[in-house]
Amino acid sequence: MTTTGARRARRTLTTADGGLLLFRVQDVPVLLAPSWAVGSLIVIVLYEPMVTRLLPDAGVLTSWILSVVSAVLLGLSVLAHELGHCVVALRLGLPVRRLRLFLLGGLSEVARTPREPRQEGLVAAAGPVVSMILAAFCGVLLLAVPAGGVAWLLVVECAVANLAVGVFNLLPGLPLDGGRMLRAGVWALSGTRARGTMAAVAGGGIVAAGLMIWAVAGLVSGSDDRWLRLGVCVVTAWFVVVGAGGELSAEGNRSWPDGLVITDLVRPVLQLPAESPVSDALAASAGRGVVLVRADGVAAGLLDESEAQRLAGVSPQTPAERAAEPIRAETVLLSSESGEEIAERVRETPAWQFLVVDDEGRPAGVLRREDLRAALARRSH
């Protein structure tokens, strides 16, 4: 496939797998999920009565138009917030898979877990900082706009949208930015990311409960914004609970059990000539990882057993190199790496087996994804 064709295929896949592609930031796709329209419709319907009260002289059409503009401003505020996360993550060398706007929020999907608390804290703080700067700018702009008119209301909406996005995300519970900052702080103090995650997940539960209490209080007191408050609080509380549960699950998969060493998981490595018959290489691979080596001493790759079985069934004498899975930099693990680093590398890399080498670069074994997953599952239970 040509480079242009590969880019086109990647763009098509990205657009289909997450929403409408709006633009890219350093090759990171910014997507608009279908659920964003649903969330915007909820905001429009619930906000229109408030516009009517704020601008009693405005007609029905004007009120609905301003409500639509409010939903768009909220979406742009969330977009600016997430771009803050995205840009800082990229500056720190953390790859970002994509940025998505959905329902009443957004998410910058950082593809690699931060290696240290400082990275976690900086990426988390970037979004609220952007939101607060925009809110402050709109607040200053209000000094130059006559009060009570349409222009004034639009500036107020923009200020409130950014202030709400910034303040809400500072709440100390996962998956909100405040929860990530809390995790970074506990991580820095305790030296353990898992403890930070537990503290921030607990914070997420408190945040969700607080949102529902605030919503019920609005209903009981008959607040003018009670229905808007209820709708937003129910959706965001659900988002917080689901997100906190996902963070807890991800931390469990990431944690490396005490007493487990990588050498207990690797399969013995066997080196075979790349021109060996694929049927012979397949027979020799039972319980072992096979490195296929060419005549010049260069490794052709690791034997892919599924492909070897297919070739052996058609032509047993086919050179085993035809069933080789290339050895790439990301599929080579150092036996001296920490368990958490190895688990992270395996989770990030789309490969089913990895060559483990010692500090001198000599093959020490082959780690298969299924073996690692099974070992972590056994230890977690």
Protein backbone atom coordinates (compact mmCIF):
# COMPACT_ATOMS: atom_id res chain seq x y z
CA MET A 1 0.00 0.00 0.00
CA THR A 2 1.34 3.45 -0.87
CA THR A 3 1.91 6.08 1.80
CA THR A 4 -1.01 8.08 0.49
CA GLY A 5 -3.22 5.01 0.49
CA ALA A 6 -2.17 4.12 4.03
CA ARG A 7 -2.99 7.62 5.21
CA ARG A 8 -6.36 7.50 3.49
CA ALA A 9 -7.14 4.13 5.05
CA ARG A 10 -6.09 5.35 8.49
CA ARG A 11 -8.22 8.47 8.11
CA THR A 12 -11.25 6.42 7.04
CA LEU A 13 -10.82 4.00 9.92
CA THR A 14 -10.44 6.83 12.43
CA THR A 15 -13.53 8.60 11.17
CA ALA A 16 -15.61 5.42 11.41
CA ASP A 17 -14.19 4.43 14.78
CA GLY A 18 -15.19 7.29 17.03
CA GLY A 19 -17.15 9.92 15.14
CA LEU A 20 -16.74 12.71 12.63
CA LEU A 21 -13.15 13.78 12.02
CA LEU A 22 -12.95 17.56 12.56
CA PHE A 23 -9.21 18.17 12.19
CA ARG A 24 -5.84 16.93 13.44
CA VAL A 25 -3.34 18.27 15.96
CA GLN A 26 0.15 16.94 15.21
CA ASP A 27 -1.48 13.93 13.55
CA VAL A 28 -3.82 13.38 16.51
CA PRO A 29 -7.41 13.08 15.20
CA VAL A 30 -10.02 15.32 16.83
CA LEU A 31 -13.38 13.52 16.60
CA LEU A 32 -16.97 14.52 17.22
CA ALA A 33 -18.89 11.52 18.56
CA PRO A 34 -22.58 11.09 17.66
CA SER A 35 -23.52 11.35 21.34
CA TRP A 36 -22.36 14.98 21.33
CA ALA A 37 -25.47 15.90 19.37
CA VAL A 38 -27.62 14.21 22.03
CA GLY A 39 -25.92 16.11 24.84
CA SER A 40 -26.21 19.38 22.92
CA LEU A 41 -29.92 18.80 22.35
CA ILE A 42 -30.39 18.30 26.10
CA VAL A 43 -28.58 21.59 26.80
CA ILE A 44 -30.65 23.44 24.18
CA VAL A 45 -33.99 22.23 25.52
CA LEU A 46 -33.14 22.83 29.17
CA TYR A 47 -31.41 26.18 28.64
CA GLU A 48 -34.08 27.89 26.49
CA PRO A 49 -36.36 28.80 29.46
CA MET A 50 -33.40 30.46 31.19
CA VAL A 51 -32.67 32.56 28.10
CA THR A 52 -36.30 33.71 28.11
CA ARG A 53 -35.99 34.82 31.73
CA LEU A 54 -32.64 36.57 31.17
CA LEU A 55 -33.87 38.35 28.03
CA PRO A 56 -37.63 38.80 28.45
CA ASP A 57 -37.85 41.01 25.33
CA ALA A 58 -36.34 38.33 23.09
CA GLY A 59 -38.70 36.42 20.85
CA VAL A 60 -39.13 32.66 20.81
CA LEU A 61 -36.87 32.25 17.77
CA THR A 62 -34.14 34.38 19.35
CA SER A 63 -34.32 32.35 22.56
CA TRP A 64 -33.89 29.07 20.71
CA ILE A 65 -31.04 30.45 18.59
CA LEU A 66 -29.24 31.63 21.72
CA SER A 67 -29.77 28.22 23.29
CA VAL A 68 -28.19 26.57 20.27
CA VAL A 69 -25.27 28.99 20.46
CA SER A 70 -24.90 28.12 24.15
CA ALA A 71 -24.56 24.41 23.32
CA VAL A 72 -21.96 25.22 20.65
CA LEU A 73 -20.01 27.45 23.07
CA LEU A 74 -20.04 24.66 25.63
CA GLY A 75 -18.66 22.26 23.00
CA LEU A 76 -15.94 24.74 22.01
CA SER A 77 -15.06 25.24 25.69
CA VAL A 78 -14.68 21.49 26.15
CA LEU A 79 -12.61 21.32 22.94
CA ALA A 80 -10.24 24.06 24.15
CA HIS A 81 -9.95 22.26 27.49
CA GLU A 82 -9.06 18.93 25.86
CA LEU A 83 -6.62 20.58 23.45
CA GLY A 84 -4.77 21.83 26.52
CA HIS A 85 -4.36 18.24 27.71
CA CYS A 86 -3.39 17.05 24.25
CA VAL A 87 -0.72 19.67 23.57
CA VAL A 88 0.96 19.27 26.98
CA ALA A 89 0.95 15.48 26.69
CA LEU A 90 2.63 15.68 23.28
CA ARG A 91 5.20 18.16 24.62
CA LEU A 92 6.06 15.71 27.40
CA GLY A 93 6.57 12.91 24.86
CA LEU A 94 3.33 11.10 25.70
CA PRO A 95 1.58 9.88 22.55
CA VAL A 96 -2.11 10.77 22.20
CA ARG A 97 -4.30 8.27 20.35
CA ARG A 98 -7.19 10.66 19.68
CA LEU A 99 -9.29 13.48 21.12
CA ARG A 100 -13.06 12.91 21.25
CA LEU A 101 -15.98 15.16 22.09
CA PHE A 102 -19.02 13.24 23.31
CA LEU A 103 -22.31 13.87 25.12
CA LEU A 104 -21.48 16.62 27.67
CA GLY A 105 -17.72 16.15 27.79
CA GLY A 106 -14.55 15.17 26.02
CA LEU A 107 -11.52 12.94 26.39
CA SER A 108 -7.89 13.10 25.26
CA GLU A 109 -6.84 9.46 25.01
CA VAL A 110 -3.19 9.40 26.06
CA ALA A 111 -1.75 6.17 24.67
CA ARG A 112 0.89 5.64 27.36
CA THR A 113 0.61 5.86 31.12
CA PRO A 114 2.76 8.72 32.54
CA ARG A 115 5.99 7.35 33.99
CA GLU A 116 6.13 9.82 36.88
CA PRO A 117 3.74 11.93 39.00
CA ARG A 118 5.00 15.16 37.46
CA GLN A 119 3.83 14.13 33.99
CA GLU A 120 0.44 13.05 35.32
CA GLY A 121 -0.04 16.32 37.19
CA LEU A 122 1.03 18.59 34.32
CA VAL A 123 -1.19 16.91 31.75
CA ALA A 124 -4.17 16.94 34.14
CA ALA A 125 -3.71 20.61 35.09
CA ALA A 126 -3.39 21.84 31.49
CA GLY A 127 -7.11 21.55 30.71
CA PRO A 128 -8.43 23.53 33.72
CA VAL A 129 -5.73 26.18 33.17
CA VAL A 130 -6.93 26.75 29.59
CA SER A 131 -10.56 26.90 30.75
CA MET A 132 -9.81 29.41 33.50
CA ILE A 133 -7.81 31.64 31.14
CA LEU A 134 -10.70 31.72 28.66
CA ALA A 135 -13.20 32.41 31.46
CA ALA A 136 -11.05 35.29 32.72
CA PHE A 137 -10.74 36.70 29.20
CA CYS A 138 -14.53 36.65 28.79
CA GLY A 139 -14.91 38.27 32.19
CA VAL A 140 -12.68 41.16 31.13
CA LEU A 141 -14.58 41.39 27.83
CA LEU A 142 -17.82 41.89 29.75
CA LEU A 143 -16.49 45.27 30.92
CA ALA A 144 -16.64 46.51 27.33
CA VAL A 145 -20.04 45.03 26.40
CA PRO A 146 -23.31 46.83 27.32
CA ALA A 147 -25.27 44.77 29.83
CA GLY A 148 -28.61 43.22 29.02
CA GLY A 149 -28.23 42.69 25.28
CA VAL A 150 -27.66 39.66 23.09
CA ALA A 151 -23.90 40.29 22.82
CA TRP A 152 -23.67 40.55 26.59
CA LEU A 153 -25.52 37.25 27.05
CA LEU A 154 -23.24 35.46 24.57
CA VAL A 155 -20.12 36.66 26.40
CA VAL A 156 -21.68 35.63 29.72
CA GLU A 157 -22.48 32.20 28.28
CA CYS A 158 -18.89 31.77 27.08
CA ALA A 159 -17.51 32.85 30.44
CA VAL A 160 -19.87 30.58 32.36
CA ALA A 161 -19.21 27.63 30.03
CA ASN A 162 -15.44 27.83 30.48
CA LEU A 163 -15.72 28.50 34.21
CA ALA A 164 -18.05 25.52 34.62
CA VAL A 165 -15.77 23.23 32.60
CA GLY A 166 -12.71 24.38 34.56
CA VAL A 167 -14.24 24.23 38.04
CA PHE A 168 -16.05 20.95 37.48
CA ASN A 169 -12.90 19.25 36.23
CA LEU A 170 -11.00 20.41 39.30
CA LEU A 171 -13.22 18.27 41.54
CA PRO A 172 -10.93 15.71 43.24
CA GLY A 173 -12.19 12.44 41.79
CA LEU A 174 -11.37 10.24 38.83
CA PRO A 175 -11.83 10.43 35.89
CA LEU A 176 -11.86 14.23 36.31
CA ASP A 177 -8.67 16.28 36.09
CA GLY A 178 -8.81 17.05 39.78
CA GLY A 179 -8.80 13.31 40.44
CA ARG A 180 -5.75 12.88 38.23
CA MET A 181 -4.00 15.68 40.10
CA LEU A 182 -4.97 14.03 43.38
CA ARG A 183 -3.55 10.75 42.11
CA ALA A 184 -0.33 12.50 41.08
CA GLY A 185 0.00 14.05 44.55
CA VAL A 186 -0.62 10.80 46.44
CA TRP A 187 1.66 9.00 43.98
CA ALA A 188 4.45 11.50 44.63
CA LEU A 189 4.06 11.25 48.40
CA SER A 190 3.64 7.47 48.65
CA GLY A 191 5.78 6.42 45.72
CA THR A 192 2.99 4.14 44.47
CA ARG A 193 0.64 4.99 41.63
CA ALA A 194 -1.89 2.39 42.80
CA ARG A 195 -2.41 4.22 46.11
CA GLY A 196 -3.01 7.44 44.22
CA THR A 197 -5.58 5.70 42.05
CA MET A 198 -7.43 4.31 45.08
CA ALA A 199 -7.59 7.75 46.69
CA ALA A 200 -8.83 9.38 43.48
CA VAL A 201 -11.43 6.65 42.84
CA ALA A 202 -12.80 7.25 46.34
CA GLY A 203 -12.89 10.94 45.49
CA GLY A 204 -14.89 10.11 42.35
CA GLY A 205 -17.52 8.37 44.45
CA ILE A 206 -17.79 11.42 46.71
CA VAL A 207 -18.09 13.73 43.68
CA ALA A 208 -20.89 11.61 42.15
CA ALA A 209 -22.80 11.56 45.45
CA GLY A 210 -22.36 15.32 45.82
CA LEU A 211 -23.73 15.95 42.34
CA MET A 212 -26.88 13.94 43.05
CA ILE A 213 -27.39 15.69 46.41
CA TRP A 214 -27.10 19.07 44.68
CA ALA A 215 -29.61 18.00 42.01
CA VAL A 216 -32.14 16.81 44.61
CA ALA A 217 -31.65 20.01 46.61
CA GLY A 218 -32.59 22.00 43.50
CA LEU A 219 -35.78 20.00 43.08
CA VAL A 220 -36.77 20.38 46.73
CA SER A 221 -36.14 24.12 46.79
CA GLY A 222 -37.85 24.72 43.43
CA SER A 223 -34.78 26.38 41.92
CA ASP A 224 -35.27 28.01 38.51
CA ASP A 225 -32.57 25.83 36.99
CA ARG A 226 -33.68 22.62 38.73
CA TRP A 227 -34.39 20.64 35.57
CA LEU A 228 -31.18 21.74 33.86
CA ARG A 229 -29.32 20.94 37.05
CA LEU A 230 -30.94 17.51 37.35
CA GLY A 231 -30.20 16.54 33.74
CA VAL A 232 -26.58 17.64 33.88
CA CYS A 233 -25.97 16.09 37.31
CA VAL A 234 -27.44 12.69 36.38
CA VAL A 235 -25.35 12.46 33.21
CA THR A 236 -22.13 13.69 34.83
CA ALA A 237 -22.56 11.51 37.94
CA TRP A 238 -22.98 8.49 35.68
CA PHE A 239 -19.88 9.56 33.74
CA VAL A 240 -17.84 9.90 36.94
CA VAL A 241 -18.93 6.52 38.35
CA VAL A 242 -18.25 4.66 35.11
CA GLY A 243 -14.94 6.47 34.58
CA ALA A 244 -13.73 5.83 38.13
CA GLY A 245 -14.57 2.14 37.75
CA GLY A 246 -12.64 2.00 34.50
CA GLU A 247 -9.61 3.66 36.10
CA LEU A 248 -9.69 1.17 38.97
CA SER A 249 -9.88 -1.76 36.56
CA ALA A 250 -7.04 -0.37 34.44
CA GLU A 251 -4.87 0.09 37.54
CA GLY A 252 -5.50 -3.53 38.51
CA ASN A 253 -4.36 -4.69 35.08
CA ARG A 254 -1.31 -2.46 35.25
CA SER A 255 -0.11 -3.44 38.72
CA TRP A 256 2.65 -6.02 38.89
CA PRO A 257 2.16 -8.60 41.67
CA ASP A 258 4.85 -8.92 44.34
CA GLY A 259 7.13 -11.91 43.87
CA LEU A 260 6.44 -12.30 40.14
CA VAL A 261 9.56 -12.02 37.95
CA ILE A 262 9.73 -11.93 34.19
CA THR A 263 12.02 -14.96 34.02
CA ASP A 264 9.18 -17.05 35.45
CA LEU A 265 7.01 -16.21 32.45
CA VAL A 266 9.29 -16.41 29.42
CA ARG A 267 9.51 -19.49 27.26
CA PRO A 268 12.94 -20.91 26.38
CA VAL A 269 14.27 -19.50 23.15
CA LEU A 270 15.42 -21.73 20.30
CA GLN A 271 17.37 -20.42 17.30
CA LEU A 272 16.77 -22.13 13.96
CA PRO A 273 17.99 -21.39 10.43
CA ALA A 274 15.46 -19.25 8.59
CA GLU A 275 15.52 -21.70 5.66
CA SER A 276 14.39 -24.62 7.84
CA PRO A 277 11.19 -26.33 6.65
CA VAL A 278 8.22 -24.69 8.30
CA SER A 279 6.93 -28.08 9.48
CA ASP A 280 10.18 -28.75 11.35
CA ALA A 281 10.18 -25.28 12.92
CA LEU A 282 6.58 -25.77 14.02
CA ALA A 283 7.38 -29.10 15.64
CA ALA A 284 10.37 -27.58 17.48
CA SER A 285 8.28 -24.66 18.77
CA ALA A 286 6.27 -26.71 21.29
CA GLY A 287 6.58 -24.81 24.57
CA ARG A 288 9.35 -22.61 23.18
CA GLY A 289 9.86 -19.38 21.29
CA VAL A 290 11.67 -19.77 17.97
CA VAL A 291 14.03 -17.13 16.58
CA LEU A 292 14.66 -17.65 12.88
CA VAL A 293 18.18 -16.64 11.82
CA ARG A 294 19.36 -16.09 8.26
CA ALA A 295 22.68 -17.38 6.94
CA ASP A 296 24.30 -13.97 7.49
CA GLY A 297 23.45 -14.12 11.19
CA VAL A 298 20.65 -11.55 11.04
CA ALA A 299 17.42 -12.52 12.77
CA ALA A 300 14.53 -12.88 10.33
CA GLY A 301 12.00 -12.74 13.16
CA LEU A 302 10.04 -14.86 15.64
CA LEU A 303 8.09 -17.83 14.36
CA ASP A 304 4.39 -17.03 14.10
CA GLU A 305 2.80 -20.35 15.03
CA SER A 306 -0.60 -19.65 13.48
CA GLU A 307 0.96 -18.70 10.16
CA ALA A 308 3.37 -21.66 10.42
CA GLN A 309 0.44 -24.04 10.91
CA ARG A 310 -1.28 -22.62 7.85
CA LEU A 311 1.82 -22.96 5.68
CA ALA A 312 2.66 -26.41 7.02
CA GLY A 313 -0.79 -27.62 6.02
CA VAL A 314 -0.28 -26.40 2.44
CA SER A 315 3.45 -26.84 1.86
CA PRO A 316 5.44 -28.40 4.73
CA GLN A 317 8.81 -27.72 3.06
CA THR A 318 8.25 -23.96 2.78
CA PRO A 319 11.12 -22.02 4.44
CA ALA A 320 10.16 -21.09 7.99
CA GLU A 321 11.13 -17.49 7.25
CA ARG A 322 7.84 -17.17 5.39
CA ALA A 323 6.12 -17.52 8.79
CA ALA A 324 8.39 -15.09 10.61
CA GLU A 325 7.00 -12.19 12.63
CA PRO A 326 9.50 -9.29 12.36
CA ILE A 327 11.36 -8.32 15.52
CA ARG A 328 10.78 -4.61 16.05
CA ALA A 329 12.23 -2.29 18.68
CA GLU A 330 8.91 -2.19 20.53
CA THR A 331 8.70 -6.00 20.68
CA VAL A 332 12.07 -6.36 22.42
CA LEU A 333 12.01 -6.32 26.23
CA LEU A 334 14.92 -6.06 28.65
CA SER A 335 14.92 -8.69 31.37
CA SER A 336 16.15 -5.97 33.75
CA GLU A 337 13.07 -3.77 33.20
CA SER A 338 10.59 -3.51 36.04
CA GLY A 339 7.48 -5.64 35.91
CA GLU A 340 5.18 -2.62 35.55
CA GLU A 341 7.23 -1.31 32.62
CA ILE A 342 7.01 -4.68 30.89
CA ALA A 343 3.26 -4.93 31.48
CA GLU A 344 2.82 -1.41 30.11
CA ARG A 345 4.90 -2.14 27.01
CA VAL A 346 2.98 -5.33 26.29
CA ARG A 347 -0.35 -3.58 26.72
CA GLU A 348 0.64 -0.74 24.37
CA THR A 349 2.18 -2.84 21.59
CA PRO A 350 0.03 -4.73 19.05
CA ALA A 351 1.98 -7.99 19.11
CA TRP A 352 1.34 -11.42 20.61
CA GLN A 353 4.93 -12.36 21.46
CA PHE A 354 8.01 -10.44 22.57
CA LEU A 355 11.72 -11.25 22.55
CA VAL A 356 13.29 -10.81 26.00
CA VAL A 357 17.03 -10.03 26.03
CA ASP A 358 19.56 -9.47 28.80
CA ASP A 359 21.60 -6.30 29.24
CA GLU A 360 24.15 -7.60 26.74
CA GLY A 361 21.48 -8.06 24.08
CA ARG A 362 21.51 -11.86 24.23
CA PRO A 363 18.15 -13.63 23.89
CA ALA A 364 16.83 -14.73 27.27
CA GLY A 365 13.44 -16.06 26.20
CA VAL A 366 10.16 -15.24 24.51
CA LEU A 367 7.23 -13.68 26.37
CA ARG A 368 3.77 -14.33 24.98
CA ARG A 369 0.91 -11.98 25.70
CA GLU A 370 -1.36 -14.85 26.73
CA ASP A 371 1.18 -16.10 29.30
CA LEU A 372 1.50 -12.65 30.87
CA ARG A 373 -2.26 -12.15 30.97
CA ALA A 374 -2.80 -15.53 32.60
CA ALA A 375 -0.10 -14.91 35.22
CA LEU A 376 -1.50 -11.49 36.16
CA ALA A 377 -5.01 -12.90 36.36
CA ARG A 378 -3.88 -15.72 38.68
CA ARG A 379 -2.02 -13.34 40.99
CA SER A 380 -4.90 -10.83 41.10
CA HIS A 381 -7.29 -13.56 42.26
